[in-house]
Amino acid sequence: MEISNEGLAPAYTLKRLAEWNHNYLVTSLGSFGDRVVAGDQISSISQLKITENEVVLEARDYGPLYPVAVEALDSKNLICANVRLLALL
């Protein structure tokens, strides 16, 4: 946020700094070259490409995987492990 005091009342300007990537609670990261795989404990996994100026979303799995560990094997393949929660009734 930028504040300008050129008048009687200050003027506020909002600047976009980042974009939300639909990851809530990232608990595991893996990488290979310029790719990063993020394991989100609540939703699933995302593959990001790191460029010179930004982070670009390449792929996202919307299924409720609940990953506890992820690793990028190469630019197109990854391995992931999850924990299966069992409720005793």
PDB file of N, CA and C in Angstrom:
ATOM      1  N   MET A   1       0.840  -1.154   0.000  1.00  0.00           N
ATOM      2  CA  MET A   1       0.000   0.000   0.000  1.00  0.00           C
ATOM      3  C   MET A   1       0.894   1.229   0.000  1.00  0.00           C
ATOM      4  N   GLU A   2       0.561   2.178  -0.822  1.00  0.00           N
ATOM      5  CA  GLU A   2       1.278   3.440  -0.879  1.00  0.00           C
ATOM      6  C   GLU A   2       0.371   4.552  -0.384  1.00  0.00           C
ATOM      7  N   ILE A   3       0.934   5.480   0.383  1.00  0.00           N
ATOM      8  CA  ILE A   3       0.165   6.588   0.944  1.00  0.00           C
ATOM      9  C   ILE A   3       0.714   7.893   0.391  1.00  0.00           C
ATOM     10  N   SER A   4      -0.179   8.752  -0.082  1.00  0.00           N
ATOM     11  CA  SER A   4       0.199  10.066  -0.579  1.00  0.00           C
ATOM     12  C   SER A   4      -0.433  11.114   0.321  1.00  0.00           C
ATOM     13  N   ASN A   5       0.345  12.080   0.751  1.00  0.00           N
ATOM     14  CA  ASN A   5      -0.158  13.136   1.632  1.00  0.00           C
ATOM     15  C   ASN A   5      -0.251  14.475   0.911  1.00  0.00           C
ATOM     16  N   GLU A   6      -0.641  14.477  -0.352  1.00  0.00           N
ATOM     17  CA  GLU A   6      -0.707  15.697  -1.154  1.00  0.00           C
ATOM     18  C   GLU A   6      -2.063  16.379  -1.050  1.00  0.00           C
ATOM     19  N   GLY A   7      -2.634  16.519  -0.001  1.00  0.00           N
ATOM     20  CA  GLY A   7      -3.932  17.173   0.134  1.00  0.00           C
ATOM     21  C   GLY A   7      -4.344  17.146   1.586  1.00  0.00           C
ATOM     22  N   LEU A   8      -5.610  17.423   1.802  1.00  0.00           N
ATOM     23  CA  LEU A   8      -6.103  17.438   3.168  1.00  0.00           C
ATOM     24  C   LEU A   8      -6.193  16.036   3.765  1.00  0.00           C
ATOM     25  N   ALA A   9      -6.668  15.089   2.973  1.00  0.00           N
ATOM     26  CA  ALA A   9      -6.794  13.707   3.442  1.00  0.00           C
ATOM     27  C   ALA A   9      -5.794  12.836   2.688  1.00  0.00           C
ATOM     28  N   PRO A  10      -5.189  11.861   3.361  1.00  0.00           N
ATOM     29  CA  PRO A  10      -4.242  10.988   2.660  1.00  0.00           C
ATOM     30  C   PRO A  10      -4.959  10.124   1.618  1.00  0.00           C
ATOM     31  N   ALA A  11      -4.309   9.879   0.501  1.00  0.00           N
ATOM     32  CA  ALA A  11      -4.849   9.026  -0.552  1.00  0.00           C
ATOM     33  C   ALA A  11      -4.110   7.695  -0.524  1.00  0.00           C
ATOM     34  N   TYR A  12      -4.831   6.596  -0.561  1.00  0.00           N
ATOM     35  CA  TYR A  12      -4.250   5.265  -0.495  1.00  0.00           C
ATOM     36  C   TYR A  12      -4.347   4.594  -1.860  1.00  0.00           C
ATOM     37  N   THR A  13      -3.294   3.884  -2.240  1.00  0.00           N
ATOM     38  CA  THR A  13      -3.261   3.136  -3.479  1.00  0.00           C
ATOM     39  C   THR A  13      -2.827   1.714  -3.174  1.00  0.00           C
ATOM     40  N   LEU A  14      -3.586   0.731  -3.659  1.00  0.00           N
ATOM     41  CA  LEU A  14      -3.228  -0.673  -3.469  1.00  0.00           C
ATOM     42  C   LEU A  14      -2.449  -1.167  -4.678  1.00  0.00           C
ATOM     43  N   LYS A  15      -1.426  -1.965  -4.413  1.00  0.00           N
ATOM     44  CA  LYS A  15      -0.612  -2.540  -5.466  1.00  0.00           C
ATOM     45  C   LYS A  15      -0.634  -4.063  -5.330  1.00  0.00           C
ATOM     46  N   ARG A  16      -0.857  -4.792  -6.429  1.00  0.00           N
ATOM     47  CA  ARG A  16      -0.846  -6.242  -6.388  1.00  0.00           C
ATOM     48  C   ARG A  16       0.592  -6.735  -6.282  1.00  0.00           C
ATOM     49  N   LEU A  17       0.858  -7.503  -5.249  1.00  0.00           N
ATOM     50  CA  LEU A  17       2.196  -8.029  -5.024  1.00  0.00           C
ATOM     51  C   LEU A  17       2.316  -9.492  -5.423  1.00  0.00           C
ATOM     52  N   ALA A  18       1.236 -10.233  -5.322  1.00  0.00           N
ATOM     53  CA  ALA A  18       1.287 -11.664  -5.607  1.00  0.00           C
ATOM     54  C   ALA A  18      -0.105 -12.146  -5.996  1.00  0.00           C
ATOM     55  N   GLU A  19      -0.168 -13.396  -6.427  1.00  0.00           N
ATOM     56  CA  GLU A  19      -1.414 -14.032  -6.786  1.00  0.00           C
ATOM     57  C   GLU A  19      -1.605 -15.255  -5.911  1.00  0.00           C
ATOM     58  N   TRP A  20      -2.846 -15.521  -5.515  1.00  0.00           N
ATOM     59  CA  TRP A  20      -3.127 -16.699  -4.706  1.00  0.00           C
ATOM     60  C   TRP A  20      -3.085 -17.929  -5.604  1.00  0.00           C
ATOM     61  N   ASN A  21      -2.401 -18.973  -5.131  1.00  0.00           N
ATOM     62  CA  ASN A  21      -2.191 -20.166  -5.936  1.00  0.00           C
ATOM     63  C   ASN A  21      -3.059 -21.335  -5.471  1.00  0.00           C
ATOM     64  N   HIS A  22      -4.065 -21.096  -4.674  1.00  0.00           N
ATOM     65  CA  HIS A  22      -4.970 -22.127  -4.169  1.00  0.00           C
ATOM     66  C   HIS A  22      -4.276 -23.140  -3.272  1.00  0.00           C
ATOM     67  N   ASN A  23      -3.168 -22.790  -2.682  1.00  0.00           N
ATOM     68  CA  ASN A  23      -2.527 -23.645  -1.692  1.00  0.00           C
ATOM     69  C   ASN A  23      -2.802 -23.048  -0.318  1.00  0.00           C
ATOM     70  N   TYR A  24      -3.239 -23.875   0.597  1.00  0.00           N
ATOM     71  CA  TYR A  24      -3.631 -23.405   1.920  1.00  0.00           C
ATOM     72  C   TYR A  24      -2.537 -23.650   2.958  1.00  0.00           C
ATOM     73  N   LEU A  25      -2.079 -24.884   3.055  1.00  0.00           N
ATOM     74  CA  LEU A  25      -1.123 -25.271   4.080  1.00  0.00           C
ATOM     75  C   LEU A  25      -0.060 -26.169   3.437  1.00  0.00           C
ATOM     76  N   VAL A  26       0.967 -25.558   2.869  1.00  0.00           N
ATOM     77  CA  VAL A  26       2.024 -26.305   2.188  1.00  0.00           C
ATOM     78  C   VAL A  26       2.906 -26.960   3.243  1.00  0.00           C
ATOM     79  N   THR A  27       2.961 -28.288   3.188  1.00  0.00           N
ATOM     80  CA  THR A  27       3.734 -29.036   4.185  1.00  0.00           C
ATOM     81  C   THR A  27       4.913 -29.779   3.578  1.00  0.00           C
ATOM     82  N   SER A  28       5.006 -29.823   2.256  1.00  0.00           N
ATOM     83  CA  SER A  28       6.094 -30.542   1.610  1.00  0.00           C
ATOM     84  C   SER A  28       6.422 -29.889   0.275  1.00  0.00           C
ATOM     85  N   LEU A  29       7.711 -29.773  -0.011  1.00  0.00           N
ATOM     86  CA  LEU A  29       8.174 -29.221  -1.285  1.00  0.00           C
ATOM     87  C   LEU A  29       9.173 -30.171  -1.913  1.00  0.00           C
ATOM     88  N   GLY A  30       9.122 -30.281  -3.222  1.00  0.00           N
ATOM     89  CA  GLY A  30      10.105 -31.027  -3.986  1.00  0.00           C
ATOM     90  C   GLY A  30      10.518 -30.189  -5.169  1.00  0.00           C
ATOM     91  N   SER A  31      11.704 -30.436  -5.714  1.00  0.00           N
ATOM     92  CA  SER A  31      12.137 -29.622  -6.844  1.00  0.00           C
ATOM     93  C   SER A  31      12.968 -30.445  -7.816  1.00  0.00           C
ATOM     94  N   PHE A  32      12.982 -29.987  -9.055  1.00  0.00           N
ATOM     95  CA  PHE A  32      13.810 -30.558 -10.115  1.00  0.00           C
ATOM     96  C   PHE A  32      14.058 -29.446 -11.122  1.00  0.00           C
ATOM     97  N   GLY A  33      15.303 -29.026 -11.267  1.00  0.00           N
ATOM     98  CA  GLY A  33      15.617 -27.944 -12.206  1.00  0.00           C
ATOM     99  C   GLY A  33      14.873 -26.682 -11.829  1.00  0.00           C
ATOM    100  N   ASP A  34      14.059 -26.176 -12.760  1.00  0.00           N
ATOM    101  CA  ASP A  34      13.304 -24.950 -12.506  1.00  0.00           C
ATOM    102  C   ASP A  34      11.854 -25.225 -12.111  1.00  0.00           C
ATOM    103  N   ARG A  35      11.541 -26.462 -11.691  1.00  0.00           N
ATOM    104  CA  ARG A  35      10.196 -26.841 -11.274  1.00  0.00           C
ATOM    105  C   ARG A  35      10.161 -27.072  -9.761  1.00  0.00           C
ATOM    106  N   VAL A  36       9.059 -26.670  -9.136  1.00  0.00           N
ATOM    107  CA  VAL A  36       8.824 -26.910  -7.716  1.00  0.00           C
ATOM    108  C   VAL A  36       7.465 -27.576  -7.582  1.00  0.00           C
ATOM    109  N   VAL A  37       7.400 -28.627  -6.780  1.00  0.00           N
ATOM    110  CA  VAL A  37       6.141 -29.305  -6.484  1.00  0.00           C
ATOM    111  C   VAL A  37       5.794 -28.991  -5.035  1.00  0.00           C
ATOM    112  N   ALA A  38       4.574 -28.478  -4.815  1.00  0.00           N
ATOM    113  CA  ALA A  38       4.116 -28.131  -3.478  1.00  0.00           C
ATOM    114  C   ALA A  38       3.015 -29.092  -3.061  1.00  0.00           C
ATOM    115  N   GLY A  39       3.199 -29.730  -1.921  1.00  0.00           N
ATOM    116  CA  GLY A  39       2.184 -30.606  -1.344  1.00  0.00           C
ATOM    117  C   GLY A  39       1.387 -29.833  -0.318  1.00  0.00           C
ATOM    118  N   ASP A  40       0.111 -29.650  -0.578  1.00  0.00           N
ATOM    119  CA  ASP A  40      -0.768 -28.891   0.300  1.00  0.00           C
ATOM    120  C   ASP A  40      -1.574 -29.873   1.140  1.00  0.00           C
ATOM    121  N   GLN A  41      -1.427 -29.793   2.445  1.00  0.00           N
ATOM    122  CA  GLN A  41      -2.052 -30.759   3.334  1.00  0.00           C
ATOM    123  C   GLN A  41      -3.570 -30.741   3.255  1.00  0.00           C
ATOM    124  N   ILE A  42      -4.153 -29.620   2.895  1.00  0.00           N
ATOM    125  CA  ILE A  42      -5.614 -29.524   2.859  1.00  0.00           C
ATOM    126  C   ILE A  42      -6.168 -29.896   1.484  1.00  0.00           C
ATOM    127  N   SER A  43      -5.546 -29.410   0.408  1.00  0.00           N
ATOM    128  CA  SER A  43      -6.143 -29.678  -0.901  1.00  0.00           C
ATOM    129  C   SER A  43      -5.398 -30.764  -1.662  1.00  0.00           C
ATOM    130  N   SER A  44      -4.235 -30.515  -2.201  1.00  0.00           N
ATOM    131  CA  SER A  44      -3.547 -31.530  -2.975  1.00  0.00           C
ATOM    132  C   SER A  44      -2.160 -31.051  -3.364  1.00  0.00           C
ATOM    133  N   ILE A  45      -1.780 -31.220  -4.633  1.00  0.00           N
ATOM    134  CA  ILE A  45      -0.435 -30.861  -5.078  1.00  0.00           C
ATOM    135  C   ILE A  45      -0.490 -29.892  -6.256  1.00  0.00           C
ATOM    136  N   SER A  46       0.556 -29.068  -6.377  1.00  0.00           N
ATOM    137  CA  SER A  46       0.686 -28.127  -7.481  1.00  0.00           C
ATOM    138  C   SER A  46       2.109 -28.203  -8.013  1.00  0.00           C
ATOM    139  N   GLN A  47       2.259 -28.065  -9.327  1.00  0.00           N
ATOM    140  CA  GLN A  47       3.580 -27.978  -9.933  1.00  0.00           C
ATOM    141  C   GLN A  47       3.773 -26.566 -10.446  1.00  0.00           C
ATOM    142  N   LEU A  48       4.860 -25.943 -10.027  1.00  0.00           N
ATOM    143  CA  LEU A  48       5.168 -24.558 -10.373  1.00  0.00           C
ATOM    144  C   LEU A  48       6.462 -24.503 -11.153  1.00  0.00           C
ATOM    145  N   LYS A  49       6.549 -23.575 -12.097  1.00  0.00           N
ATOM    146  CA  LYS A  49       7.781 -23.355 -12.845  1.00  0.00           C
ATOM    147  C   LYS A  49       8.337 -21.994 -12.431  1.00  0.00           C
ATOM    148  N   ILE A  50       9.604 -21.973 -12.069  1.00  0.00           N
ATOM    149  CA  ILE A  50      10.259 -20.746 -11.653  1.00  0.00           C
ATOM    150  C   ILE A  50      10.901 -20.119 -12.886  1.00  0.00           C
ATOM    151  N   THR A  51      10.479 -18.900 -13.221  1.00  0.00           N
ATOM    152  CA  THR A  51      11.078 -18.171 -14.331  1.00  0.00           C
ATOM    153  C   THR A  51      11.915 -17.039 -13.747  1.00  0.00           C
ATOM    154  N   GLU A  52      12.451 -16.227 -14.617  1.00  0.00           N
ATOM    155  CA  GLU A  52      13.312 -15.132 -14.161  1.00  0.00           C
ATOM    156  C   GLU A  52      12.553 -14.118 -13.312  1.00  0.00           C
ATOM    157  N   ASN A  53      11.274 -13.864 -13.660  1.00  0.00           N
ATOM    158  CA  ASN A  53      10.518 -12.810 -12.989  1.00  0.00           C
ATOM    159  C   ASN A  53       9.312 -13.274 -12.192  1.00  0.00           C
ATOM    160  N   GLU A  54       8.904 -14.543 -12.337  1.00  0.00           N
ATOM    161  CA  GLU A  54       7.672 -14.962 -11.683  1.00  0.00           C
ATOM    162  C   GLU A  54       7.641 -16.465 -11.447  1.00  0.00           C
ATOM    163  N   VAL A  55       6.642 -16.868 -10.687  1.00  0.00           N
ATOM    164  CA  VAL A  55       6.355 -18.276 -10.451  1.00  0.00           C
ATOM    165  C   VAL A  55       5.080 -18.591 -11.222  1.00  0.00           C
ATOM    166  N   VAL A  56       5.141 -19.577 -12.133  1.00  0.00           N
ATOM    167  CA  VAL A  56       4.026 -19.895 -13.020  1.00  0.00           C
ATOM    168  C   VAL A  56       3.450 -21.255 -12.635  1.00  0.00           C
ATOM    169  N   LEU A  57       2.140 -21.308 -12.438  1.00  0.00           N
ATOM    170  CA  LEU A  57       1.461 -22.560 -12.161  1.00  0.00           C
ATOM    171  C   LEU A  57       1.390 -23.380 -13.437  1.00  0.00           C
ATOM    172  N   GLU A  58       1.933 -24.598 -13.416  1.00  0.00           N
ATOM    173  CA  GLU A  58       1.884 -25.482 -14.592  1.00  0.00           C
ATOM    174  C   GLU A  58       0.809 -26.543 -14.467  1.00  0.00           C
ATOM    175  N   ALA A  59       0.604 -27.071 -13.269  1.00  0.00           N
ATOM    176  CA  ALA A  59      -0.380 -28.136 -13.087  1.00  0.00           C
ATOM    177  C   ALA A  59      -0.874 -28.125 -11.653  1.00  0.00           C
ATOM    178  N   ARG A  60      -2.107 -28.582 -11.483  1.00  0.00           N
ATOM    179  CA  ARG A  60      -2.683 -28.671 -10.151  1.00  0.00           C
ATOM    180  C   ARG A  60      -3.617 -29.864 -10.120  1.00  0.00           C
ATOM    181  N   ASP A  61      -3.572 -30.617  -9.043  1.00  0.00           N
ATOM    182  CA  ASP A  61      -4.494 -31.727  -8.821  1.00  0.00           C
ATOM    183  C   ASP A  61      -5.512 -31.268  -7.795  1.00  0.00           C
ATOM    184  N   TYR A  62      -6.790 -31.294  -8.151  1.00  0.00           N
ATOM    185  CA  TYR A  62      -7.834 -30.797  -7.262  1.00  0.00           C
ATOM    186  C   TYR A  62      -8.389 -31.881  -6.341  1.00  0.00           C
ATOM    187  N   GLY A  63      -7.958 -33.124  -6.519  1.00  0.00           N
ATOM    188  CA  GLY A  63      -8.453 -34.200  -5.668  1.00  0.00           C
ATOM    189  C   GLY A  63      -7.911 -34.089  -4.253  1.00  0.00           C
ATOM    190  N   PRO A  64      -8.688 -34.525  -3.253  1.00  0.00           N
ATOM    191  CA  PRO A  64      -8.242 -34.423  -1.865  1.00  0.00           C
ATOM    192  C   PRO A  64      -7.212 -35.506  -1.533  1.00  0.00           C
ATOM    193  N   LEU A  65      -5.976 -35.269  -1.884  1.00  0.00           N
ATOM    194  CA  LEU A  65      -4.913 -36.261  -1.716  1.00  0.00           C
ATOM    195  C   LEU A  65      -4.317 -36.247  -0.313  1.00  0.00           C
ATOM    196  N   TYR A  66      -4.308 -35.127   0.367  1.00  0.00           N
ATOM    197  CA  TYR A  66      -3.702 -34.942   1.686  1.00  0.00           C
ATOM    198  C   TYR A  66      -2.251 -35.434   1.711  1.00  0.00           C
ATOM    199  N   PRO A  67      -1.380 -34.883   0.867  1.00  0.00           N
ATOM    200  CA  PRO A  67      -0.004 -35.388   0.787  1.00  0.00           C
ATOM    201  C   PRO A  67       0.822 -35.027   2.011  1.00  0.00           C
ATOM    202  N   VAL A  68       1.710 -35.940   2.399  1.00  0.00           N
ATOM    203  CA  VAL A  68       2.661 -35.667   3.481  1.00  0.00           C
ATOM    204  C   VAL A  68       4.084 -35.566   2.951  1.00  0.00           C
ATOM    205  N   ALA A  69       4.315 -36.053   1.724  1.00  0.00           N
ATOM    206  CA  ALA A  69       5.636 -35.958   1.109  1.00  0.00           C
ATOM    207  C   ALA A  69       5.484 -35.927  -0.405  1.00  0.00           C
ATOM    208  N   VAL A  70       6.223 -35.026  -1.055  1.00  0.00           N
ATOM    209  CA  VAL A  70       6.248 -34.957  -2.511  1.00  0.00           C
ATOM    210  C   VAL A  70       7.687 -34.796  -2.969  1.00  0.00           C
ATOM    211  N   GLU A  71       7.968 -35.273  -4.166  1.00  0.00           N
ATOM    212  CA  GLU A  71       9.285 -35.071  -4.773  1.00  0.00           C
ATOM    213  C   GLU A  71       9.119 -35.063  -6.278  1.00  0.00           C
ATOM    214  N   ALA A  72       9.774 -34.127  -6.934  1.00  0.00           N
ATOM    215  CA  ALA A  72       9.756 -34.042  -8.391  1.00  0.00           C
ATOM    216  C   ALA A  72      10.839 -34.966  -8.932  1.00  0.00           C
ATOM    217  N   LEU A  73      10.451 -35.882  -9.819  1.00  0.00           N
ATOM    218  CA  LEU A  73      11.410 -36.813 -10.419  1.00  0.00           C
ATOM    219  C   LEU A  73      12.064 -36.212 -11.654  1.00  0.00           C
ATOM    220  N   ASP A  74      11.287 -35.482 -12.439  1.00  0.00           N
ATOM    221  CA  ASP A  74      11.784 -34.734 -13.590  1.00  0.00           C
ATOM    222  C   ASP A  74      10.762 -33.648 -13.875  1.00  0.00           C
ATOM    223  N   SER A  75      10.838 -33.019 -15.044  1.00  0.00           N
ATOM    224  CA  SER A  75       9.950 -31.882 -15.319  1.00  0.00           C
ATOM    225  C   SER A  75       8.496 -32.274 -15.503  1.00  0.00           C
ATOM    226  N   LYS A  76       8.186 -33.569 -15.688  1.00  0.00           N
ATOM    227  CA  LYS A  76       6.805 -33.990 -15.915  1.00  0.00           C
ATOM    228  C   LYS A  76       6.315 -35.071 -14.965  1.00  0.00           C
ATOM    229  N   ASN A  77       7.169 -35.599 -14.084  1.00  0.00           N
ATOM    230  CA  ASN A  77       6.779 -36.689 -13.196  1.00  0.00           C
ATOM    231  C   ASN A  77       7.140 -36.373 -11.759  1.00  0.00           C
ATOM    232  N   LEU A  78       6.264 -36.817 -10.857  1.00  0.00           N
ATOM    233  CA  LEU A  78       6.526 -36.635  -9.436  1.00  0.00           C
ATOM    234  C   LEU A  78       6.039 -37.856  -8.677  1.00  0.00           C
ATOM    235  N   ILE A  79       6.489 -37.969  -7.445  1.00  0.00           N
ATOM    236  CA  ILE A  79       6.045 -39.045  -6.574  1.00  0.00           C
ATOM    237  C   ILE A  79       5.509 -38.395  -5.309  1.00  0.00           C
ATOM    238  N   CYS A  80       4.451 -38.973  -4.779  1.00  0.00           N
ATOM    239  CA  CYS A  80       3.769 -38.380  -3.635  1.00  0.00           C
ATOM    240  C   CYS A  80       3.316 -39.470  -2.683  1.00  0.00           C
ATOM    241  N   ALA A  81       3.352 -39.189  -1.392  1.00  0.00           N
ATOM    242  CA  ALA A  81       2.837 -40.119  -0.377  1.00  0.00           C
ATOM    243  C   ALA A  81       1.789 -39.398   0.457  1.00  0.00           C
ATOM    244  N   ASN A  82       0.776 -40.134   0.863  1.00  0.00           N
ATOM    245  CA  ASN A  82      -0.247 -39.540   1.721  1.00  0.00           C
ATOM    246  C   ASN A  82      -0.502 -40.445   2.919  1.00  0.00           C
ATOM    247  N   VAL A  83      -1.206 -39.896   3.890  1.00  0.00           N
ATOM    248  CA  VAL A  83      -1.576 -40.650   5.077  1.00  0.00           C
ATOM    249  C   VAL A  83      -3.083 -40.855   5.029  1.00  0.00           C
ATOM    250  N   ARG A  84      -3.458 -42.076   5.209  1.00  0.00           N
ATOM    251  CA  ARG A  84      -4.884 -42.373   5.194  1.00  0.00           C
ATOM    252  C   ARG A  84      -5.392 -42.346   6.624  1.00  0.00           C
ATOM    253  N   LEU A  85      -6.362 -41.480   6.867  1.00  0.00           N
ATOM    254  CA  LEU A  85      -6.921 -41.334   8.198  1.00  0.00           C
ATOM    255  C   LEU A  85      -8.127 -42.259   8.356  1.00  0.00           C
ATOM    256  N   LEU A  86      -8.131 -43.057   9.402  1.00  0.00           N
ATOM    257  CA  LEU A  86      -9.233 -43.968   9.652  1.00  0.00           C
ATOM    258  C   LEU A  86      -9.964 -43.527  10.916  1.00  0.00           C
ATOM    259  N   ALA A  87     -11.258 -43.478  10.853  1.00  0.00           N
ATOM    260  CA  ALA A  87     -12.062 -43.114  12.024  1.00  0.00           C
ATOM    261  C   ALA A  87     -12.681 -44.386  12.594  1.00  0.00           C
ATOM    262  N   LEU A  88     -12.476 -44.597  13.867  1.00  0.00           N
ATOM    263  CA  LEU A  88     -13.078 -45.752  14.542  1.00  0.00           C
ATOM    264  C   LEU A  88     -14.411 -45.332  15.122  1.00  0.00           C
ATOM    265  N   LEU A  89     -15.454 -46.024  14.740  1.00  0.00           N
ATOM    266  CA  LEU A  89     -16.799 -45.685  15.237  1.00  0.00           C
ATOM    267  C   LEU A  89     -17.226 -46.650  16.306  1.00  0.00           C
TER     268      LEU A  89
END
